[in-house]
């Protein structure tokens, strides 16, 4: 397990190689639960290569995370993570973002995953929730980016989460909405060896 304040790398792998790598700061790691913080201004790495979908879409903008930082909540084996977003000069809680992704695989200096495009947005104070990027997910599935079984697994996970939300159940502690980063934490850098798989 990692220590609070430690910098680790999130890598998104495509064909066994990093397509995107971002350093984050460990907030809590119990083995059964992992919270990491993506701070404003964090550098993002986009290794070059002959990628099936071209360069990572985030690489077309700034090479640093913009806006308020994001808190990401993970459970081992879950095919999604839950992100807390804030906005405005007063850092007001904006909402929860359920990001469907391959379950985390830890390595010495971080963890690997693969974004699966489909998301759910739960805006603070708004009734219900909404899908995000559902059309994009289906388009990528038709284009062969997601194999049939992977796409079916993503849909099943999304339906399960949607059912839990409709029933008023959320596994994460909503007190995280009021969480504040430690002001002494520096902007993290990618650890040495982040590009070696």
N, C-alpha and C. Protein backbone atom coordinates (compact mmCIF):
# COMPACT_ATOMS: atom_id res chain seq x y z
N UNK A 1 0.85 -1.19 0.00
CA UNK A 1 0.00 0.00 0.00
C UNK A 1 0.88 1.24 0.00
N UNK A 2 0.34 2.32 -0.53
CA UNK A 2 1.10 3.56 -0.63
C UNK A 2 0.77 4.47 0.55
N UNK A 3 1.66 5.42 0.78
CA UNK A 3 1.53 6.33 1.91
C UNK A 3 0.83 7.62 1.48
N UNK A 4 0.11 8.23 2.41
CA UNK A 4 -0.52 9.52 2.17
C UNK A 4 0.54 10.54 1.73
N UNK A 5 0.24 11.28 0.68
CA UNK A 5 1.16 12.27 0.16
C UNK A 5 2.15 11.75 -0.87
N UNK A 6 2.17 10.43 -1.08
CA UNK A 6 3.09 9.83 -2.05
C UNK A 6 2.59 10.08 -3.47
N UNK A 7 3.50 10.35 -4.41
CA UNK A 7 3.14 10.52 -5.82
C UNK A 7 3.22 9.16 -6.52
N UNK A 8 2.15 8.81 -7.24
CA UNK A 8 2.13 7.59 -8.03
C UNK A 8 1.60 7.94 -9.42
N UNK A 9 1.76 7.04 -10.35
CA UNK A 9 1.36 7.30 -11.74
C UNK A 9 0.10 6.52 -12.10
N UNK A 10 -0.84 7.20 -12.71
CA UNK A 10 -1.96 6.53 -13.38
C UNK A 10 -1.56 6.42 -14.85
N UNK A 11 -1.58 5.21 -15.38
CA UNK A 11 -1.27 5.03 -16.80
C UNK A 11 -2.48 4.41 -17.50
N UNK A 12 -2.81 4.95 -18.64
CA UNK A 12 -3.82 4.35 -19.49
C UNK A 12 -3.08 3.59 -20.58
N UNK A 13 -3.23 2.26 -20.58
CA UNK A 13 -2.50 1.42 -21.52
C UNK A 13 -3.34 1.08 -22.73
N UNK A 14 -2.71 1.11 -23.89
CA UNK A 14 -3.30 0.64 -25.14
C UNK A 14 -2.28 -0.28 -25.78
N UNK A 15 -2.69 -1.51 -26.07
CA UNK A 15 -1.79 -2.52 -26.64
C UNK A 15 -0.51 -2.66 -25.82
N UNK A 16 -0.66 -2.60 -24.49
CA UNK A 16 0.46 -2.83 -23.61
C UNK A 16 1.43 -1.68 -23.45
N UNK A 17 1.10 -0.51 -23.98
CA UNK A 17 1.98 0.66 -23.87
C UNK A 17 1.21 1.84 -23.31
N UNK A 18 1.88 2.72 -22.53
CA UNK A 18 1.18 3.90 -22.01
C UNK A 18 0.76 4.85 -23.13
N UNK A 19 -0.53 5.16 -23.16
CA UNK A 19 -1.10 6.13 -24.10
C UNK A 19 -1.21 7.49 -23.41
N UNK A 20 -1.35 7.43 -22.10
CA UNK A 20 -1.44 8.60 -21.24
C UNK A 20 -0.87 8.23 -19.88
N UNK A 21 -0.15 9.15 -19.26
CA UNK A 21 0.35 8.94 -17.90
C UNK A 21 0.22 10.24 -17.13
N UNK A 22 -0.32 10.15 -15.91
CA UNK A 22 -0.53 11.33 -15.07
C UNK A 22 -0.10 10.99 -13.64
N UNK A 23 0.71 11.85 -13.02
CA UNK A 23 1.03 11.62 -11.61
C UNK A 23 -0.09 12.15 -10.72
N UNK A 24 -0.39 11.42 -9.67
CA UNK A 24 -1.41 11.83 -8.70
C UNK A 24 -0.83 11.65 -7.30
N UNK A 25 -1.47 12.27 -6.33
CA UNK A 25 -1.03 12.18 -4.94
C UNK A 25 -1.97 11.24 -4.18
N UNK A 26 -1.40 10.32 -3.42
CA UNK A 26 -2.20 9.39 -2.64
C UNK A 26 -2.82 10.12 -1.45
N UNK A 27 -4.13 10.00 -1.32
CA UNK A 27 -4.86 10.58 -0.19
C UNK A 27 -5.10 9.52 0.87
N UNK A 28 -5.50 8.34 0.43
CA UNK A 28 -5.76 7.22 1.36
C UNK A 28 -5.63 5.92 0.59
N UNK A 29 -4.99 4.94 1.20
CA UNK A 29 -4.84 3.63 0.59
C UNK A 29 -4.93 2.59 1.69
N UNK A 30 -6.04 1.86 1.71
CA UNK A 30 -6.24 0.83 2.74
C UNK A 30 -6.12 -0.58 2.18
N UNK A 31 -5.93 -0.68 0.86
CA UNK A 31 -5.97 -1.99 0.22
C UNK A 31 -7.35 -2.29 -0.33
N UNK A 32 -8.39 -1.95 0.44
CA UNK A 32 -9.77 -2.12 -0.01
C UNK A 32 -10.34 -0.84 -0.63
N UNK A 33 -9.59 0.25 -0.48
CA UNK A 33 -10.06 1.55 -0.95
C UNK A 33 -8.85 2.41 -1.25
N UNK A 34 -8.93 3.12 -2.37
CA UNK A 34 -7.83 4.00 -2.78
C UNK A 34 -8.41 5.34 -3.21
N UNK A 35 -7.93 6.42 -2.61
CA UNK A 35 -8.29 7.77 -3.02
C UNK A 35 -7.03 8.49 -3.46
N UNK A 36 -7.06 9.09 -4.65
CA UNK A 36 -5.91 9.84 -5.15
C UNK A 36 -6.40 11.19 -5.63
N UNK A 37 -5.47 12.15 -5.64
CA UNK A 37 -5.82 13.52 -5.99
C UNK A 37 -5.02 13.96 -7.22
N UNK A 38 -5.74 14.41 -8.23
CA UNK A 38 -5.15 14.99 -9.44
C UNK A 38 -5.21 16.50 -9.28
N UNK A 39 -4.06 17.10 -9.00
CA UNK A 39 -4.01 18.52 -8.66
C UNK A 39 -4.00 19.40 -9.91
N UNK A 40 -4.52 20.61 -9.73
CA UNK A 40 -4.45 21.60 -10.80
C UNK A 40 -2.99 21.85 -11.16
N UNK A 41 -2.70 21.90 -12.46
CA UNK A 41 -1.34 22.14 -12.92
C UNK A 41 -0.48 20.90 -13.06
N UNK A 42 -1.05 19.72 -12.77
CA UNK A 42 -0.29 18.48 -12.88
C UNK A 42 0.09 18.21 -14.32
N UNK A 43 1.37 17.88 -14.60
CA UNK A 43 1.78 17.57 -15.97
C UNK A 43 1.22 16.22 -16.42
N UNK A 44 0.88 16.14 -17.71
CA UNK A 44 0.37 14.90 -18.29
C UNK A 44 1.30 14.50 -19.43
N UNK A 45 1.62 13.22 -19.51
CA UNK A 45 2.52 12.72 -20.55
C UNK A 45 1.72 11.92 -21.58
N UNK A 46 2.04 12.16 -22.84
CA UNK A 46 1.37 11.48 -23.96
C UNK A 46 2.45 10.89 -24.86
N UNK A 47 2.92 9.68 -24.56
CA UNK A 47 3.98 9.08 -25.36
C UNK A 47 3.59 8.97 -26.83
N UNK A 48 4.56 9.20 -27.69
CA UNK A 48 4.30 9.09 -29.12
C UNK A 48 4.25 7.63 -29.51
N UNK A 49 3.57 7.36 -30.61
CA UNK A 49 3.46 5.99 -31.10
C UNK A 49 2.42 5.92 -32.20
N UNK A 50 2.35 4.78 -32.82
CA UNK A 50 1.37 4.55 -33.88
C UNK A 50 0.12 3.98 -33.23
N UNK A 51 -0.69 4.90 -32.65
CA UNK A 51 -1.86 4.48 -31.88
C UNK A 51 -3.04 4.24 -32.81
N UNK A 52 -3.86 3.20 -32.53
CA UNK A 52 -5.01 2.89 -33.39
C UNK A 52 -5.99 4.04 -33.53
N UNK A 53 -6.17 4.83 -32.47
CA UNK A 53 -7.10 5.97 -32.53
C UNK A 53 -6.37 7.29 -32.62
N UNK A 54 -5.08 7.25 -32.89
CA UNK A 54 -4.30 8.47 -32.93
C UNK A 54 -3.90 8.90 -31.53
N UNK A 55 -3.45 10.13 -31.41
CA UNK A 55 -3.00 10.67 -30.12
C UNK A 55 -4.17 10.71 -29.14
N UNK A 56 -3.85 10.65 -27.86
CA UNK A 56 -4.87 10.76 -26.82
C UNK A 56 -5.60 12.09 -27.00
N UNK A 57 -6.95 12.09 -26.89
CA UNK A 57 -7.69 13.35 -27.11
C UNK A 57 -7.29 14.47 -26.17
N UNK A 58 -6.85 14.16 -24.96
CA UNK A 58 -6.43 15.21 -24.04
C UNK A 58 -5.16 15.90 -24.51
N UNK A 59 -4.39 15.23 -25.37
CA UNK A 59 -3.11 15.80 -25.81
C UNK A 59 -3.31 16.99 -26.75
N UNK A 60 -4.52 17.21 -27.22
CA UNK A 60 -4.79 18.29 -28.15
C UNK A 60 -4.90 19.64 -27.45
N UNK A 61 -4.99 19.63 -26.12
CA UNK A 61 -5.09 20.87 -25.35
C UNK A 61 -3.84 21.09 -24.53
N UNK A 62 -4.03 21.58 -23.34
CA UNK A 62 -2.91 21.83 -22.43
C UNK A 62 -2.28 20.51 -22.01
N UNK A 63 -1.00 20.55 -21.73
CA UNK A 63 -0.30 19.36 -21.24
C UNK A 63 -0.30 19.31 -19.72
N UNK A 64 -1.14 20.15 -19.10
CA UNK A 64 -1.30 20.14 -17.64
C UNK A 64 -2.79 20.14 -17.30
N UNK A 65 -3.12 19.53 -16.16
CA UNK A 65 -4.52 19.48 -15.73
C UNK A 65 -4.98 20.89 -15.38
N UNK A 66 -6.12 21.29 -15.93
CA UNK A 66 -6.64 22.64 -15.70
C UNK A 66 -7.87 22.59 -14.80
N UNK A 67 -8.18 23.72 -14.20
CA UNK A 67 -9.32 23.80 -13.30
C UNK A 67 -8.96 23.25 -11.93
N UNK A 68 -9.96 23.17 -11.07
CA UNK A 68 -9.71 22.62 -9.74
C UNK A 68 -9.25 21.17 -9.87
N UNK A 69 -8.53 20.73 -8.88
CA UNK A 69 -8.12 19.35 -8.86
C UNK A 69 -9.32 18.42 -8.72
N UNK A 70 -9.06 17.14 -8.97
CA UNK A 70 -10.11 16.12 -8.94
C UNK A 70 -9.70 15.02 -7.97
N UNK A 71 -10.62 14.62 -7.12
CA UNK A 71 -10.41 13.50 -6.21
C UNK A 71 -11.00 12.25 -6.85
N UNK A 72 -10.21 11.18 -6.94
CA UNK A 72 -10.66 9.95 -7.57
C UNK A 72 -10.73 8.84 -6.52
N UNK A 73 -11.89 8.18 -6.45
CA UNK A 73 -12.13 7.12 -5.47
C UNK A 73 -12.22 5.78 -6.20
N UNK A 74 -11.44 4.81 -5.73
CA UNK A 74 -11.36 3.50 -6.38
C UNK A 74 -11.56 2.38 -5.37
N UNK A 75 -12.17 1.28 -5.85
CA UNK A 75 -12.19 0.03 -5.09
C UNK A 75 -11.59 -1.05 -5.96
N UNK A 76 -10.75 -1.94 -5.39
CA UNK A 76 -10.14 -3.01 -6.19
C UNK A 76 -11.20 -3.85 -6.89
N UNK A 77 -10.99 -4.10 -8.17
CA UNK A 77 -11.89 -4.95 -8.94
C UNK A 77 -13.05 -4.22 -9.57
N UNK A 78 -13.36 -3.02 -9.12
CA UNK A 78 -14.48 -2.28 -9.72
C UNK A 78 -14.11 -1.82 -11.13
N UNK A 79 -15.04 -1.96 -12.08
CA UNK A 79 -14.77 -1.49 -13.45
C UNK A 79 -15.13 -0.02 -13.64
N UNK A 80 -14.94 0.76 -12.62
CA UNK A 80 -15.20 2.20 -12.69
C UNK A 80 -14.57 2.85 -11.46
N UNK A 81 -14.42 4.16 -11.53
CA UNK A 81 -14.01 4.96 -10.38
C UNK A 81 -15.00 6.09 -10.23
N UNK A 82 -14.98 6.73 -9.07
CA UNK A 82 -15.89 7.85 -8.80
C UNK A 82 -15.03 9.08 -8.55
N UNK A 83 -15.28 10.13 -9.32
CA UNK A 83 -14.49 11.36 -9.23
C UNK A 83 -15.34 12.47 -8.61
N UNK A 84 -14.72 13.25 -7.75
CA UNK A 84 -15.38 14.42 -7.16
C UNK A 84 -14.83 15.67 -7.84
N UNK A 85 -15.76 16.51 -8.35
CA UNK A 85 -15.38 17.74 -9.04
C UNK A 85 -15.85 18.96 -8.24
N UNK A 86 -15.04 20.01 -8.29
CA UNK A 86 -15.39 21.29 -7.69
C UNK A 86 -15.26 22.37 -8.76
N UNK A 87 -15.91 23.52 -8.56
CA UNK A 87 -15.74 24.61 -9.53
C UNK A 87 -15.97 25.96 -8.87
N UNK A 88 -15.59 27.00 -9.60
CA UNK A 88 -15.77 28.37 -9.11
C UNK A 88 -14.65 28.81 -8.20
N UNK A 89 -14.52 30.12 -8.01
CA UNK A 89 -13.43 30.63 -7.17
C UNK A 89 -13.53 30.18 -5.72
N UNK A 90 -14.73 29.84 -5.25
CA UNK A 90 -14.89 29.39 -3.87
C UNK A 90 -14.75 27.87 -3.74
N UNK A 91 -14.39 27.20 -4.85
CA UNK A 91 -14.22 25.74 -4.88
C UNK A 91 -15.49 25.04 -4.35
N UNK A 92 -16.58 25.35 -4.99
CA UNK A 92 -17.86 24.75 -4.61
C UNK A 92 -17.99 23.35 -5.20
N UNK A 93 -18.51 22.40 -4.41
CA UNK A 93 -18.67 21.04 -4.91
C UNK A 93 -19.63 21.04 -6.09
N UNK A 94 -19.22 20.41 -7.18
CA UNK A 94 -19.98 20.42 -8.42
C UNK A 94 -20.76 19.13 -8.62
N UNK A 95 -20.12 17.99 -8.34
CA UNK A 95 -20.83 16.73 -8.50
C UNK A 95 -19.90 15.53 -8.57
N UNK A 96 -20.53 14.37 -8.73
CA UNK A 96 -19.83 13.09 -8.82
C UNK A 96 -19.84 12.62 -10.28
N UNK A 97 -18.72 12.07 -10.69
CA UNK A 97 -18.55 11.59 -12.06
C UNK A 97 -18.14 10.13 -11.98
N UNK A 98 -18.98 9.24 -12.50
CA UNK A 98 -18.66 7.81 -12.49
C UNK A 98 -17.97 7.50 -13.81
N UNK A 99 -16.70 7.16 -13.74
CA UNK A 99 -15.87 6.94 -14.92
C UNK A 99 -15.67 5.43 -15.12
N UNK A 100 -16.28 4.88 -16.17
CA UNK A 100 -16.12 3.44 -16.42
C UNK A 100 -14.76 3.19 -17.06
N UNK A 101 -14.07 2.22 -16.50
CA UNK A 101 -12.68 1.95 -16.90
C UNK A 101 -12.34 0.52 -16.52
N UNK A 102 -11.26 0.02 -17.09
CA UNK A 102 -10.79 -1.31 -16.71
C UNK A 102 -10.38 -1.29 -15.24
N UNK A 103 -10.63 -2.37 -14.48
CA UNK A 103 -10.21 -2.40 -13.07
C UNK A 103 -8.72 -2.10 -12.94
N UNK A 104 -8.37 -1.42 -11.85
CA UNK A 104 -6.98 -1.03 -11.63
C UNK A 104 -6.07 -2.24 -11.50
N UNK A 105 -4.89 -2.12 -12.08
CA UNK A 105 -3.83 -3.09 -11.89
C UNK A 105 -2.63 -2.35 -11.32
N UNK A 106 -2.28 -2.68 -10.09
CA UNK A 106 -1.17 -1.99 -9.43
C UNK A 106 0.17 -2.48 -9.98
N UNK A 107 1.11 -1.56 -9.97
CA UNK A 107 2.52 -1.89 -10.18
C UNK A 107 3.31 -1.06 -9.17
N UNK A 108 4.62 -1.18 -9.18
CA UNK A 108 5.43 -0.60 -8.11
C UNK A 108 5.17 0.88 -7.88
N UNK A 109 5.03 1.66 -8.96
CA UNK A 109 4.94 3.10 -8.83
C UNK A 109 3.58 3.67 -9.25
N UNK A 110 2.54 2.84 -9.25
CA UNK A 110 1.24 3.38 -9.63
C UNK A 110 0.26 2.30 -10.03
N UNK A 111 -0.65 2.66 -10.92
CA UNK A 111 -1.62 1.69 -11.39
C UNK A 111 -2.01 1.96 -12.82
N UNK A 112 -2.42 0.88 -13.49
CA UNK A 112 -2.81 0.93 -14.89
C UNK A 112 -4.30 0.69 -15.02
N UNK A 113 -4.88 1.28 -16.04
CA UNK A 113 -6.29 1.10 -16.34
C UNK A 113 -6.49 1.42 -17.82
N UNK A 114 -7.71 1.46 -18.27
CA UNK A 114 -8.04 1.87 -19.63
C UNK A 114 -9.43 2.48 -19.61
N UNK A 115 -9.52 3.74 -20.00
CA UNK A 115 -10.81 4.41 -20.02
C UNK A 115 -11.71 3.74 -21.04
N UNK A 116 -12.99 3.59 -20.70
CA UNK A 116 -13.93 2.93 -21.58
C UNK A 116 -15.04 3.86 -22.07
N UNK A 117 -14.75 5.17 -22.00
CA UNK A 117 -15.57 6.22 -22.62
C UNK A 117 -16.89 6.51 -21.91
N UNK A 118 -17.60 5.48 -21.48
CA UNK A 118 -18.93 5.69 -20.90
C UNK A 118 -18.81 6.27 -19.49
N UNK A 119 -19.69 7.22 -19.16
CA UNK A 119 -19.65 7.88 -17.86
C UNK A 119 -21.06 8.22 -17.38
N UNK A 120 -21.16 8.49 -16.09
CA UNK A 120 -22.40 8.99 -15.48
C UNK A 120 -22.06 10.26 -14.71
N UNK A 121 -22.90 11.28 -14.83
CA UNK A 121 -22.70 12.54 -14.14
C UNK A 121 -23.84 12.73 -13.13
N UNK A 122 -23.48 13.04 -11.88
CA UNK A 122 -24.45 13.26 -10.81
C UNK A 122 -24.19 14.67 -10.27
N UNK A 123 -24.91 15.63 -10.76
CA UNK A 123 -24.65 17.02 -10.36
C UNK A 123 -25.19 17.28 -8.96
N UNK A 124 -24.40 17.97 -8.15
CA UNK A 124 -24.82 18.30 -6.79
C UNK A 124 -26.09 19.13 -6.81
N UNK A 125 -27.08 18.71 -6.04
CA UNK A 125 -28.33 19.44 -5.93
C UNK A 125 -29.32 19.21 -7.04
N UNK A 126 -28.93 18.49 -8.08
CA UNK A 126 -29.84 18.21 -9.20
C UNK A 126 -30.53 16.87 -8.98
N UNK A 127 -31.74 16.71 -9.49
CA UNK A 127 -32.42 15.42 -9.34
C UNK A 127 -31.81 14.38 -10.29
N UNK A 128 -31.62 13.19 -9.82
CA UNK A 128 -31.19 12.10 -10.68
C UNK A 128 -29.76 12.21 -11.17
N UNK A 129 -29.52 11.60 -12.31
CA UNK A 129 -28.19 11.53 -12.90
C UNK A 129 -28.36 11.46 -14.41
N UNK A 130 -27.28 11.64 -15.16
CA UNK A 130 -27.35 11.58 -16.63
C UNK A 130 -26.16 10.77 -17.17
N UNK A 131 -26.40 10.12 -18.32
CA UNK A 131 -25.32 9.45 -19.03
C UNK A 131 -24.45 10.48 -19.71
N UNK A 132 -23.17 10.17 -19.86
CA UNK A 132 -22.26 10.97 -20.67
C UNK A 132 -21.54 10.04 -21.65
N UNK A 133 -21.40 10.51 -22.88
CA UNK A 133 -20.60 9.82 -23.91
C UNK A 133 -21.14 8.45 -24.29
N UNK A 134 -22.44 8.24 -24.09
CA UNK A 134 -23.00 6.93 -24.45
C UNK A 134 -22.92 6.69 -25.96
N UNK A 135 -23.24 7.72 -26.75
CA UNK A 135 -23.15 7.59 -28.21
C UNK A 135 -21.71 7.33 -28.64
N UNK A 136 -20.77 8.02 -28.01
CA UNK A 136 -19.35 7.83 -28.34
C UNK A 136 -18.91 6.41 -28.02
N UNK A 137 -19.35 5.87 -26.89
CA UNK A 137 -19.02 4.49 -26.53
C UNK A 137 -19.53 3.53 -27.59
N UNK A 138 -20.78 3.70 -28.02
CA UNK A 138 -21.34 2.80 -29.03
C UNK A 138 -20.64 2.95 -30.37
N UNK A 139 -20.26 4.17 -30.70
CA UNK A 139 -19.53 4.40 -31.95
C UNK A 139 -18.18 3.69 -31.93
N UNK A 140 -17.46 3.82 -30.83
CA UNK A 140 -16.16 3.15 -30.71
C UNK A 140 -16.32 1.63 -30.71
N UNK A 141 -17.41 1.14 -30.14
CA UNK A 141 -17.66 -0.30 -30.16
C UNK A 141 -17.90 -0.77 -31.59
N UNK A 142 -18.70 -0.03 -32.35
CA UNK A 142 -18.94 -0.40 -33.76
C UNK A 142 -17.65 -0.37 -34.58
N UNK A 143 -16.76 0.57 -34.22
CA UNK A 143 -15.49 0.69 -34.95
C UNK A 143 -14.46 -0.35 -34.53
N UNK A 144 -14.79 -1.17 -33.54
CA UNK A 144 -13.89 -2.23 -33.12
C UNK A 144 -12.89 -1.84 -32.04
N UNK A 145 -13.02 -0.63 -31.51
CA UNK A 145 -12.09 -0.22 -30.45
C UNK A 145 -12.31 -1.05 -29.18
N UNK A 146 -13.58 -1.38 -28.91
CA UNK A 146 -13.90 -2.28 -27.80
C UNK A 146 -14.40 -3.59 -28.40
N UNK A 147 -13.81 -4.68 -27.96
CA UNK A 147 -14.27 -5.98 -28.42
C UNK A 147 -15.66 -6.26 -27.86
N UNK A 148 -16.38 -7.17 -28.48
CA UNK A 148 -17.78 -7.43 -28.13
C UNK A 148 -17.96 -7.74 -26.65
N UNK A 149 -17.09 -8.63 -26.09
CA UNK A 149 -17.24 -8.99 -24.69
C UNK A 149 -16.93 -7.82 -23.77
N UNK A 150 -15.88 -7.04 -24.10
CA UNK A 150 -15.56 -5.88 -23.28
C UNK A 150 -16.72 -4.89 -23.27
N UNK A 151 -17.30 -4.64 -24.46
CA UNK A 151 -18.43 -3.71 -24.54
C UNK A 151 -19.60 -4.23 -23.72
N UNK A 152 -19.86 -5.54 -23.79
CA UNK A 152 -20.95 -6.12 -23.01
C UNK A 152 -20.69 -5.97 -21.51
N UNK A 153 -19.43 -6.14 -21.10
CA UNK A 153 -19.08 -6.00 -19.69
C UNK A 153 -19.27 -4.56 -19.22
N UNK A 154 -18.90 -3.60 -20.08
CA UNK A 154 -19.07 -2.19 -19.73
C UNK A 154 -20.55 -1.87 -19.58
N UNK A 155 -21.37 -2.34 -20.52
CA UNK A 155 -22.82 -2.08 -20.43
C UNK A 155 -23.40 -2.69 -19.16
N UNK A 156 -22.96 -3.91 -18.82
CA UNK A 156 -23.49 -4.57 -17.62
C UNK A 156 -23.09 -3.79 -16.37
N UNK A 157 -21.84 -3.33 -16.30
CA UNK A 157 -21.41 -2.55 -15.15
C UNK A 157 -22.17 -1.24 -15.06
N UNK A 158 -22.39 -0.61 -16.21
CA UNK A 158 -23.12 0.66 -16.23
C UNK A 158 -24.56 0.46 -15.78
N UNK A 159 -25.19 -0.60 -16.23
CA UNK A 159 -26.57 -0.88 -15.81
C UNK A 159 -26.66 -1.15 -14.31
N UNK A 160 -25.63 -1.84 -13.78
CA UNK A 160 -25.62 -2.13 -12.35
C UNK A 160 -25.50 -0.84 -11.53
N UNK A 161 -24.56 0.04 -11.94
CA UNK A 161 -24.39 1.30 -11.23
C UNK A 161 -25.64 2.15 -11.35
N UNK A 162 -26.24 2.20 -12.55
CA UNK A 162 -27.46 2.98 -12.76
C UNK A 162 -28.58 2.48 -11.85
N UNK A 163 -28.69 1.15 -11.72
CA UNK A 163 -29.70 0.59 -10.84
C UNK A 163 -29.49 0.97 -9.39
N UNK A 164 -28.23 0.96 -8.95
CA UNK A 164 -27.92 1.37 -7.58
C UNK A 164 -28.28 2.84 -7.35
N UNK A 165 -27.94 3.68 -8.33
CA UNK A 165 -28.26 5.10 -8.20
C UNK A 165 -29.77 5.33 -8.17
N UNK A 166 -30.49 4.62 -9.02
CA UNK A 166 -31.95 4.76 -9.04
C UNK A 166 -32.57 4.33 -7.72
N UNK A 167 -31.91 3.38 -7.04
CA UNK A 167 -32.41 2.90 -5.74
C UNK A 167 -31.93 3.78 -4.59
N UNK A 168 -31.17 4.83 -4.93
CA UNK A 168 -30.69 5.75 -3.89
C UNK A 168 -29.47 5.26 -3.13
N UNK A 169 -28.72 4.31 -3.73
CA UNK A 169 -27.56 3.75 -3.05
C UNK A 169 -26.27 4.21 -3.71
N UNK A 170 -25.31 4.63 -2.89
CA UNK A 170 -23.97 4.99 -3.34
C UNK A 170 -22.99 4.38 -2.35
N UNK A 171 -22.00 3.68 -2.85
CA UNK A 171 -21.08 3.02 -1.93
C UNK A 171 -20.08 4.00 -1.31
N UNK A 172 -19.81 5.12 -1.97
CA UNK A 172 -18.78 6.04 -1.48
C UNK A 172 -19.36 6.97 -0.43
N UNK A 173 -18.49 7.44 0.44
CA UNK A 173 -18.86 8.35 1.51
C UNK A 173 -18.99 9.76 0.93
N UNK A 174 -20.16 10.33 1.03
CA UNK A 174 -20.39 11.64 0.41
C UNK A 174 -19.71 12.78 1.16
N UNK A 175 -19.11 12.45 2.31
CA UNK A 175 -18.33 13.48 3.01
C UNK A 175 -17.09 13.86 2.22
N UNK A 176 -16.69 13.03 1.25
CA UNK A 176 -15.55 13.39 0.40
C UNK A 176 -15.84 14.68 -0.37
N UNK A 177 -17.09 15.05 -0.54
CA UNK A 177 -17.43 16.29 -1.26
C UNK A 177 -16.84 17.52 -0.58
N UNK A 178 -16.61 17.44 0.72
CA UNK A 178 -16.06 18.56 1.48
C UNK A 178 -14.56 18.45 1.68
N UNK A 179 -13.94 17.45 1.08
CA UNK A 179 -12.51 17.22 1.27
C UNK A 179 -11.68 18.36 0.69
N UNK A 180 -10.56 18.65 1.34
CA UNK A 180 -9.63 19.68 0.87
C UNK A 180 -8.23 19.06 0.77
N UNK A 181 -7.49 19.39 -0.30
CA UNK A 181 -6.11 18.88 -0.39
C UNK A 181 -5.20 19.54 0.63
N UNK A 182 -4.18 18.82 1.03
CA UNK A 182 -3.20 19.38 1.95
C UNK A 182 -2.43 20.49 1.23
N UNK A 183 -2.43 21.71 1.75
CA UNK A 183 -1.78 22.81 1.03
C UNK A 183 -0.28 22.67 0.88
N UNK A 184 0.35 21.78 1.63
CA UNK A 184 1.80 21.62 1.51
C UNK A 184 2.18 20.61 0.42
N UNK A 185 1.20 19.90 -0.13
CA UNK A 185 1.52 18.94 -1.17
C UNK A 185 2.01 19.66 -2.42
N UNK A 186 3.15 19.24 -2.97
CA UNK A 186 3.61 19.85 -4.22
C UNK A 186 2.85 19.26 -5.42
N UNK A 187 2.96 19.92 -6.56
CA UNK A 187 2.45 19.32 -7.79
C UNK A 187 3.29 18.08 -8.06
N UNK A 188 2.68 16.91 -8.18
CA UNK A 188 3.48 15.69 -8.34
C UNK A 188 4.10 15.58 -9.73
N UNK A 189 5.18 14.84 -9.79
CA UNK A 189 5.84 14.52 -11.06
C UNK A 189 5.77 13.02 -11.27
N UNK A 190 5.85 12.59 -12.52
CA UNK A 190 5.83 11.16 -12.80
C UNK A 190 7.07 10.50 -12.22
N UNK A 191 6.89 9.34 -11.57
CA UNK A 191 8.05 8.65 -10.99
C UNK A 191 8.94 8.09 -12.09
N UNK A 192 10.19 7.91 -11.78
CA UNK A 192 11.12 7.32 -12.74
C UNK A 192 10.64 5.93 -13.12
N UNK A 193 10.73 5.61 -14.39
CA UNK A 193 10.31 4.31 -14.89
C UNK A 193 8.84 4.22 -15.23
N UNK A 194 8.13 5.36 -15.23
CA UNK A 194 6.69 5.35 -15.51
C UNK A 194 6.37 4.81 -16.89
N UNK A 195 7.33 4.94 -17.85
CA UNK A 195 7.06 4.55 -19.23
C UNK A 195 7.44 3.09 -19.54
N UNK A 196 7.89 2.37 -18.51
CA UNK A 196 8.29 0.97 -18.70
C UNK A 196 7.18 0.07 -18.20
N UNK A 197 6.72 -0.82 -19.06
CA UNK A 197 5.67 -1.78 -18.68
C UNK A 197 6.30 -3.16 -18.56
